[in-house]
Amino acid sequence: MRVGLVTAAVALSVALGGTVLAAPAAQAATHRPSAAPAATAATAAEAGFNVGGIWTLYQSNSANATVSMTQDGQGNLTGIARSGSATTGTIAQGFVDGSYLYFVIAWSDGSTGRYIGSRGADGRLSGVSTDLAHPSSQATWYTTWTF
């Protein structure tokens, strides 16, 4: 079920024109792994890769967000996010499955964003975000950090 949902979303991303894979290299330094190496290896083996840590996702609509994410051994995601100086959010649900990831952020301004993506051959994440209250409001997103 997870793979089917994420595969459909990645196909939608490609249909919408793909993702942009360029960003300032200086921003890559914001990633800080949150798990010990042994836990990271165990998680990566079961879920595909580990997105735990603090990193920034850059959106095509300039609504960039910094996330602090934790990933358990089954690939489930939890955490918090910040966009701009005052908008915060909670990662309400999420998972990593193979090379795909999915998570939802409930933002403090009342909006809810769904983020679907995948890990590319270069180790960077990219995908499509959707405002769940306004499904036609979408943006592509990517990371500069590799996972």
N, C-alpha and C. Protein backbone atom coordinates (compact mmCIF):
# COMPACT_ATOMS: atom_id res chain seq x y z
N MET A 1 0.83 -1.21 0.00
CA MET A 1 0.00 0.00 0.00
C MET A 1 0.85 1.25 0.00
N ARG A 2 1.86 1.28 0.90
CA ARG A 2 2.72 2.46 0.97
C ARG A 2 3.44 2.69 -0.34
N VAL A 3 4.04 1.63 -0.89
CA VAL A 3 4.80 1.78 -2.12
C VAL A 3 3.90 2.25 -3.26
N GLY A 4 2.69 1.71 -3.34
CA GLY A 4 1.76 2.12 -4.39
C GLY A 4 1.40 3.59 -4.29
N LEU A 5 1.13 4.07 -3.09
CA LEU A 5 0.78 5.48 -2.88
C LEU A 5 1.95 6.37 -3.23
N VAL A 6 3.12 6.01 -2.77
CA VAL A 6 4.29 6.84 -3.02
C VAL A 6 4.67 6.78 -4.49
N THR A 7 4.58 5.60 -5.11
CA THR A 7 4.91 5.48 -6.52
C THR A 7 4.00 6.38 -7.36
N ALA A 8 2.72 6.41 -7.03
CA ALA A 8 1.79 7.28 -7.75
C ALA A 8 2.17 8.75 -7.57
N ALA A 9 2.57 9.12 -6.39
CA ALA A 9 2.94 10.50 -6.13
C ALA A 9 4.22 10.89 -6.86
N VAL A 10 5.18 9.98 -6.91
CA VAL A 10 6.42 10.27 -7.64
C VAL A 10 6.12 10.41 -9.12
N ALA A 11 5.23 9.55 -9.64
CA ALA A 11 4.83 9.67 -11.04
C ALA A 11 4.18 11.03 -11.29
N LEU A 12 3.37 11.51 -10.34
CA LEU A 12 2.75 12.82 -10.45
C LEU A 12 3.81 13.90 -10.47
N SER A 13 4.84 13.75 -9.64
CA SER A 13 5.93 14.72 -9.61
C SER A 13 6.60 14.82 -10.96
N VAL A 14 6.88 13.67 -11.57
CA VAL A 14 7.52 13.67 -12.88
C VAL A 14 6.59 14.30 -13.91
N ALA A 15 5.30 13.99 -13.83
CA ALA A 15 4.33 14.56 -14.77
C ALA A 15 4.22 16.07 -14.63
N LEU A 16 4.45 16.58 -13.42
CA LEU A 16 4.37 18.03 -13.19
C LEU A 16 5.66 18.75 -13.56
N GLY A 17 6.61 18.02 -14.10
CA GLY A 17 7.83 18.68 -14.54
C GLY A 17 9.04 18.31 -13.72
N GLY A 18 8.93 17.31 -12.85
CA GLY A 18 10.08 16.87 -12.08
C GLY A 18 10.43 17.84 -10.97
N THR A 19 11.64 17.71 -10.49
CA THR A 19 12.09 18.55 -9.40
C THR A 19 13.36 19.26 -9.80
N VAL A 20 13.64 20.34 -9.13
CA VAL A 20 14.85 21.10 -9.35
C VAL A 20 15.91 20.55 -8.40
N LEU A 21 17.11 20.28 -8.90
CA LEU A 21 18.14 19.71 -8.04
C LEU A 21 19.35 20.63 -7.96
N ALA A 22 19.12 21.89 -7.64
CA ALA A 22 20.23 22.81 -7.45
C ALA A 22 19.92 23.68 -6.25
N ALA A 23 20.92 23.92 -5.41
CA ALA A 23 20.72 24.77 -4.25
C ALA A 23 22.08 25.15 -3.70
N PRO A 24 22.12 26.16 -2.85
CA PRO A 24 23.39 26.57 -2.27
C PRO A 24 24.01 25.44 -1.44
N ALA A 25 25.27 25.16 -1.70
CA ALA A 25 25.95 24.09 -0.97
C ALA A 25 26.09 24.43 0.51
N ALA A 26 26.12 25.70 0.83
CA ALA A 26 26.26 26.10 2.24
C ALA A 26 25.10 25.62 3.08
N GLN A 27 23.93 25.46 2.50
CA GLN A 27 22.76 25.01 3.26
C GLN A 27 22.88 23.55 3.66
N ALA A 28 23.71 22.78 2.97
CA ALA A 28 23.85 21.37 3.29
C ALA A 28 24.40 21.16 4.69
N ALA A 29 25.10 22.12 5.22
CA ALA A 29 25.70 21.98 6.55
C ALA A 29 24.67 21.98 7.66
N THR A 30 23.39 22.27 7.38
CA THR A 30 22.38 22.30 8.43
C THR A 30 21.95 20.91 8.88
N HIS A 31 22.30 19.87 8.15
CA HIS A 31 21.91 18.51 8.53
C HIS A 31 22.77 18.03 9.68
N ARG A 32 22.12 17.54 10.72
CA ARG A 32 22.84 16.97 11.85
C ARG A 32 22.19 15.62 12.17
N PRO A 33 22.89 14.51 11.91
CA PRO A 33 22.31 13.20 12.20
C PRO A 33 21.89 13.10 13.66
N SER A 34 20.76 12.43 13.90
CA SER A 34 20.25 12.33 15.26
C SER A 34 20.40 10.94 15.86
N ALA A 35 20.84 9.97 15.07
CA ALA A 35 20.93 8.60 15.58
C ALA A 35 22.39 8.16 15.62
N ALA A 36 22.68 7.25 16.55
CA ALA A 36 24.02 6.69 16.64
C ALA A 36 24.27 5.84 15.39
N PRO A 37 25.52 5.65 14.96
CA PRO A 37 25.81 4.89 13.75
C PRO A 37 25.18 3.51 13.73
N ALA A 38 25.18 2.77 14.84
CA ALA A 38 24.60 1.43 14.86
C ALA A 38 23.10 1.49 14.62
N ALA A 39 22.42 2.45 15.25
CA ALA A 39 20.97 2.59 15.06
C ALA A 39 20.67 3.01 13.63
N THR A 40 21.50 3.86 13.08
CA THR A 40 21.30 4.32 11.70
C THR A 40 21.41 3.15 10.74
N ALA A 41 22.40 2.29 10.93
CA ALA A 41 22.58 1.15 10.04
C ALA A 41 21.40 0.19 10.14
N ALA A 42 20.92 -0.08 11.36
CA ALA A 42 19.78 -0.98 11.53
C ALA A 42 18.53 -0.40 10.89
N THR A 43 18.28 0.88 11.10
CA THR A 43 17.11 1.53 10.51
C THR A 43 17.19 1.53 9.00
N ALA A 44 18.35 1.87 8.46
CA ALA A 44 18.51 1.93 7.02
C ALA A 44 18.28 0.57 6.38
N ALA A 45 18.72 -0.50 7.05
CA ALA A 45 18.55 -1.84 6.49
C ALA A 45 17.08 -2.21 6.40
N GLU A 46 16.28 -1.82 7.37
CA GLU A 46 14.86 -2.18 7.38
C GLU A 46 14.01 -1.24 6.53
N ALA A 47 14.30 0.06 6.55
CA ALA A 47 13.43 1.03 5.88
C ALA A 47 13.97 1.46 4.53
N GLY A 48 15.23 1.26 4.24
CA GLY A 48 15.80 1.68 2.98
C GLY A 48 16.88 2.73 3.17
N PHE A 49 16.62 3.73 3.99
CA PHE A 49 17.57 4.79 4.33
C PHE A 49 17.02 5.54 5.52
N ASN A 50 17.87 6.35 6.16
CA ASN A 50 17.46 7.06 7.38
C ASN A 50 17.43 8.55 7.13
N VAL A 51 16.28 9.19 7.36
CA VAL A 51 16.15 10.64 7.20
C VAL A 51 16.18 11.37 8.53
N GLY A 52 16.53 10.64 9.60
CA GLY A 52 16.60 11.26 10.92
C GLY A 52 17.64 12.36 10.96
N GLY A 53 17.31 13.45 11.64
CA GLY A 53 18.23 14.57 11.79
C GLY A 53 17.53 15.89 11.53
N ILE A 54 18.33 16.93 11.38
CA ILE A 54 17.80 18.27 11.10
C ILE A 54 18.26 18.65 9.71
N TRP A 55 17.31 18.94 8.83
CA TRP A 55 17.64 19.29 7.45
C TRP A 55 16.57 20.20 6.86
N THR A 56 16.91 20.83 5.76
CA THR A 56 16.00 21.78 5.11
C THR A 56 15.46 21.19 3.83
N LEU A 57 14.15 21.38 3.60
CA LEU A 57 13.59 21.04 2.30
C LEU A 57 13.25 22.35 1.61
N TYR A 58 13.70 22.46 0.38
CA TYR A 58 13.54 23.66 -0.43
C TYR A 58 12.38 23.44 -1.39
N GLN A 59 11.41 24.35 -1.38
CA GLN A 59 10.22 24.20 -2.20
C GLN A 59 10.24 25.20 -3.36
N SER A 60 9.65 24.79 -4.46
CA SER A 60 9.59 25.64 -5.66
C SER A 60 8.77 26.90 -5.43
N ASN A 61 7.92 26.93 -4.39
CA ASN A 61 7.13 28.13 -4.09
C ASN A 61 7.82 29.01 -3.04
N SER A 62 9.08 28.71 -2.73
CA SER A 62 9.92 29.45 -1.77
C SER A 62 9.47 29.31 -0.32
N ALA A 63 8.51 28.43 -0.02
CA ALA A 63 8.09 28.19 1.36
C ALA A 63 8.96 27.07 1.92
N ASN A 64 10.24 27.34 2.11
CA ASN A 64 11.18 26.34 2.59
C ASN A 64 10.90 25.99 4.04
N ALA A 65 11.27 24.80 4.44
CA ALA A 65 11.03 24.35 5.81
C ALA A 65 12.24 23.60 6.33
N THR A 66 12.54 23.81 7.60
CA THR A 66 13.57 23.04 8.29
C THR A 66 12.86 22.03 9.17
N VAL A 67 13.24 20.77 9.04
CA VAL A 67 12.61 19.71 9.81
C VAL A 67 13.62 19.09 10.77
N SER A 68 13.12 18.67 11.91
CA SER A 68 13.89 17.88 12.87
C SER A 68 13.14 16.57 12.97
N MET A 69 13.67 15.54 12.33
CA MET A 69 12.93 14.31 12.15
C MET A 69 13.61 13.14 12.85
N THR A 70 12.79 12.23 13.37
CA THR A 70 13.25 10.99 13.97
C THR A 70 12.62 9.85 13.20
N GLN A 71 13.41 8.82 12.96
CA GLN A 71 12.92 7.64 12.23
C GLN A 71 13.17 6.40 13.08
N ASP A 72 12.13 5.59 13.29
CA ASP A 72 12.31 4.37 14.08
C ASP A 72 12.76 3.21 13.19
N GLY A 73 12.96 2.04 13.78
CA GLY A 73 13.45 0.88 13.06
C GLY A 73 12.54 0.35 11.98
N GLN A 74 11.26 0.70 12.04
CA GLN A 74 10.31 0.28 11.01
C GLN A 74 10.15 1.33 9.92
N GLY A 75 10.86 2.45 10.03
CA GLY A 75 10.78 3.50 9.02
C GLY A 75 9.74 4.57 9.32
N ASN A 76 9.07 4.51 10.47
CA ASN A 76 8.07 5.52 10.83
C ASN A 76 8.75 6.83 11.22
N LEU A 77 8.16 7.95 10.80
CA LEU A 77 8.73 9.27 11.02
C LEU A 77 7.90 10.09 12.00
N THR A 78 8.59 10.83 12.86
CA THR A 78 7.96 11.81 13.74
C THR A 78 8.89 13.01 13.80
N GLY A 79 8.37 14.14 14.24
CA GLY A 79 9.24 15.30 14.40
C GLY A 79 8.51 16.62 14.36
N ILE A 80 9.29 17.67 14.18
CA ILE A 80 8.76 19.03 14.12
C ILE A 80 9.36 19.74 12.92
N ALA A 81 8.73 20.87 12.54
CA ALA A 81 9.20 21.64 11.39
C ALA A 81 9.02 23.12 11.67
N ARG A 82 9.76 23.93 10.93
CA ARG A 82 9.64 25.39 11.02
C ARG A 82 9.76 25.95 9.61
N SER A 83 8.88 26.89 9.30
CA SER A 83 8.93 27.59 8.02
C SER A 83 8.84 29.08 8.32
N GLY A 84 9.83 29.83 7.90
CA GLY A 84 9.86 31.24 8.23
C GLY A 84 10.18 31.44 9.70
N SER A 85 9.81 32.60 10.22
CA SER A 85 10.18 32.91 11.60
C SER A 85 9.12 32.51 12.62
N ALA A 86 7.88 32.30 12.19
CA ALA A 86 6.82 32.06 13.18
C ALA A 86 6.00 30.80 12.95
N THR A 87 6.05 30.19 11.78
CA THR A 87 5.20 29.05 11.50
C THR A 87 5.92 27.76 11.87
N THR A 88 5.31 27.01 12.77
CA THR A 88 5.87 25.73 13.19
C THR A 88 4.89 24.62 12.82
N GLY A 89 5.37 23.41 12.87
CA GLY A 89 4.51 22.29 12.52
C GLY A 89 4.95 21.02 13.20
N THR A 90 4.03 20.05 13.20
CA THR A 90 4.28 18.74 13.77
C THR A 90 4.15 17.71 12.66
N ILE A 91 5.12 16.83 12.58
CA ILE A 91 5.04 15.76 11.60
C ILE A 91 4.08 14.73 12.19
N ALA A 92 2.85 14.75 11.64
CA ALA A 92 1.74 13.98 12.20
C ALA A 92 1.81 12.51 11.84
N GLN A 93 2.32 12.21 10.68
CA GLN A 93 2.46 10.83 10.25
C GLN A 93 3.52 10.80 9.16
N GLY A 94 4.15 9.68 9.01
CA GLY A 94 5.14 9.58 7.97
C GLY A 94 5.86 8.25 8.03
N PHE A 95 6.52 7.91 6.90
CA PHE A 95 7.28 6.67 6.84
C PHE A 95 8.27 6.72 5.69
N VAL A 96 9.27 5.87 5.80
CA VAL A 96 10.22 5.60 4.73
C VAL A 96 10.02 4.15 4.35
N ASP A 97 9.96 3.87 3.06
CA ASP A 97 9.74 2.51 2.57
C ASP A 97 10.57 2.34 1.29
N GLY A 98 11.62 1.54 1.37
CA GLY A 98 12.50 1.38 0.21
C GLY A 98 13.20 2.70 -0.07
N SER A 99 13.04 3.23 -1.28
CA SER A 99 13.65 4.52 -1.61
C SER A 99 12.63 5.66 -1.55
N TYR A 100 11.45 5.41 -1.03
CA TYR A 100 10.38 6.40 -0.98
C TYR A 100 10.13 6.90 0.45
N LEU A 101 9.61 8.14 0.55
CA LEU A 101 9.19 8.65 1.85
C LEU A 101 7.90 9.44 1.70
N TYR A 102 7.18 9.50 2.81
CA TYR A 102 5.88 10.16 2.87
C TYR A 102 5.75 10.74 4.27
N PHE A 103 5.34 12.00 4.37
CA PHE A 103 5.03 12.54 5.68
C PHE A 103 4.05 13.70 5.54
N VAL A 104 3.33 13.98 6.63
CA VAL A 104 2.34 15.05 6.69
C VAL A 104 2.76 15.99 7.80
N ILE A 105 2.73 17.30 7.51
CA ILE A 105 3.03 18.29 8.54
C ILE A 105 1.76 19.10 8.81
N ALA A 106 1.34 19.09 10.08
CA ALA A 106 0.22 19.93 10.53
C ALA A 106 0.85 21.25 10.99
N TRP A 107 0.64 22.33 10.22
CA TRP A 107 1.27 23.63 10.49
C TRP A 107 0.46 24.44 11.48
N SER A 108 1.15 25.31 12.23
CA SER A 108 0.51 26.14 13.26
C SER A 108 -0.45 27.16 12.67
N ASP A 109 -0.35 27.45 11.37
CA ASP A 109 -1.27 28.40 10.74
C ASP A 109 -2.58 27.73 10.31
N GLY A 110 -2.73 26.44 10.64
CA GLY A 110 -3.96 25.71 10.31
C GLY A 110 -3.88 24.89 9.04
N SER A 111 -2.86 25.08 8.23
CA SER A 111 -2.73 24.29 7.00
C SER A 111 -2.08 22.95 7.30
N THR A 112 -2.27 22.01 6.37
CA THR A 112 -1.67 20.69 6.48
C THR A 112 -1.02 20.37 5.15
N GLY A 113 0.25 20.04 5.18
CA GLY A 113 0.98 19.72 3.96
C GLY A 113 1.38 18.26 3.91
N ARG A 114 1.19 17.68 2.73
CA ARG A 114 1.61 16.29 2.50
C ARG A 114 2.87 16.34 1.63
N TYR A 115 3.88 15.60 2.04
CA TYR A 115 5.17 15.58 1.34
C TYR A 115 5.45 14.15 0.90
N ILE A 116 5.56 13.94 -0.40
CA ILE A 116 5.82 12.63 -0.96
C ILE A 116 7.07 12.75 -1.82
N GLY A 117 7.98 11.81 -1.68
CA GLY A 117 9.19 11.89 -2.48
C GLY A 117 9.99 10.61 -2.47
N SER A 118 11.21 10.74 -2.97
CA SER A 118 12.09 9.58 -3.05
C SER A 118 13.54 10.02 -2.91
N ARG A 119 14.38 9.04 -2.67
CA ARG A 119 15.83 9.25 -2.58
C ARG A 119 16.41 8.93 -3.94
N GLY A 120 17.07 9.92 -4.53
CA GLY A 120 17.67 9.74 -5.84
C GLY A 120 18.99 9.00 -5.78
N ALA A 121 19.53 8.69 -6.94
CA ALA A 121 20.82 8.00 -7.04
C ALA A 121 21.94 8.80 -6.38
N ASP A 122 21.78 10.13 -6.33
CA ASP A 122 22.79 10.99 -5.70
C ASP A 122 22.60 11.09 -4.19
N GLY A 123 21.57 10.40 -3.62
CA GLY A 123 21.33 10.41 -2.19
C GLY A 123 20.45 11.55 -1.71
N ARG A 124 20.09 12.47 -2.60
CA ARG A 124 19.24 13.60 -2.21
C ARG A 124 17.76 13.21 -2.32
N LEU A 125 16.95 13.86 -1.49
CA LEU A 125 15.51 13.62 -1.50
C LEU A 125 14.85 14.67 -2.38
N SER A 126 13.77 14.29 -3.06
CA SER A 126 12.98 15.24 -3.83
C SER A 126 11.58 14.68 -3.99
N GLY A 127 10.62 15.57 -4.24
CA GLY A 127 9.25 15.12 -4.40
C GLY A 127 8.28 16.26 -4.62
N VAL A 128 7.03 16.01 -4.21
CA VAL A 128 5.93 16.96 -4.38
C VAL A 128 5.26 17.20 -3.03
N SER A 129 4.95 18.46 -2.73
CA SER A 129 4.18 18.79 -1.53
C SER A 129 2.82 19.30 -1.98
N THR A 130 1.80 18.99 -1.18
CA THR A 130 0.44 19.38 -1.49
C THR A 130 -0.22 19.95 -0.25
N ASP A 131 -0.91 21.08 -0.38
CA ASP A 131 -1.73 21.63 0.70
C ASP A 131 -3.01 20.80 0.70
N LEU A 132 -3.26 20.03 1.76
CA LEU A 132 -4.39 19.12 1.76
C LEU A 132 -5.75 19.82 1.73
N ALA A 133 -5.82 21.07 2.20
CA ALA A 133 -7.08 21.82 2.14
C ALA A 133 -7.32 22.38 0.73
N HIS A 134 -6.25 22.52 -0.03
CA HIS A 134 -6.31 23.06 -1.39
C HIS A 134 -5.44 22.19 -2.29
N PRO A 135 -5.92 21.01 -2.67
CA PRO A 135 -5.08 20.05 -3.40
C PRO A 135 -4.47 20.57 -4.70
N SER A 136 -5.02 21.61 -5.28
CA SER A 136 -4.42 22.16 -6.49
C SER A 136 -3.18 22.99 -6.16
N SER A 137 -2.96 23.30 -4.88
CA SER A 137 -1.79 24.04 -4.44
C SER A 137 -0.66 23.06 -4.17
N GLN A 138 0.24 22.94 -5.13
CA GLN A 138 1.34 22.00 -5.02
C GLN A 138 2.66 22.69 -5.31
N ALA A 139 3.73 22.11 -4.80
CA ALA A 139 5.08 22.60 -5.09
C ALA A 139 6.01 21.40 -5.11
N THR A 140 7.06 21.50 -5.88
CA THR A 140 8.09 20.48 -5.82
C THR A 140 9.04 20.83 -4.69
N TRP A 141 9.75 19.85 -4.16
CA TRP A 141 10.71 20.10 -3.10
C TRP A 141 11.92 19.21 -3.27
N TYR A 142 13.04 19.62 -2.65
CA TYR A 142 14.27 18.84 -2.71
C TYR A 142 15.13 19.18 -1.49
N THR A 143 16.13 18.34 -1.24
CA THR A 143 17.11 18.59 -0.21
C THR A 143 18.48 18.75 -0.86
N THR A 144 19.36 19.45 -0.17
CA THR A 144 20.75 19.52 -0.64
C THR A 144 21.60 18.49 0.08
N TRP A 145 21.14 18.05 1.24
CA TRP A 145 21.87 17.06 2.01
C TRP A 145 21.64 15.68 1.38
N THR A 146 22.60 14.79 1.50
CA THR A 146 22.43 13.43 0.99
C THR A 146 22.14 12.48 2.15
N PHE A 147 21.37 11.45 1.87
CA PHE A 147 20.94 10.48 2.86
C PHE A 147 21.35 9.08 2.45
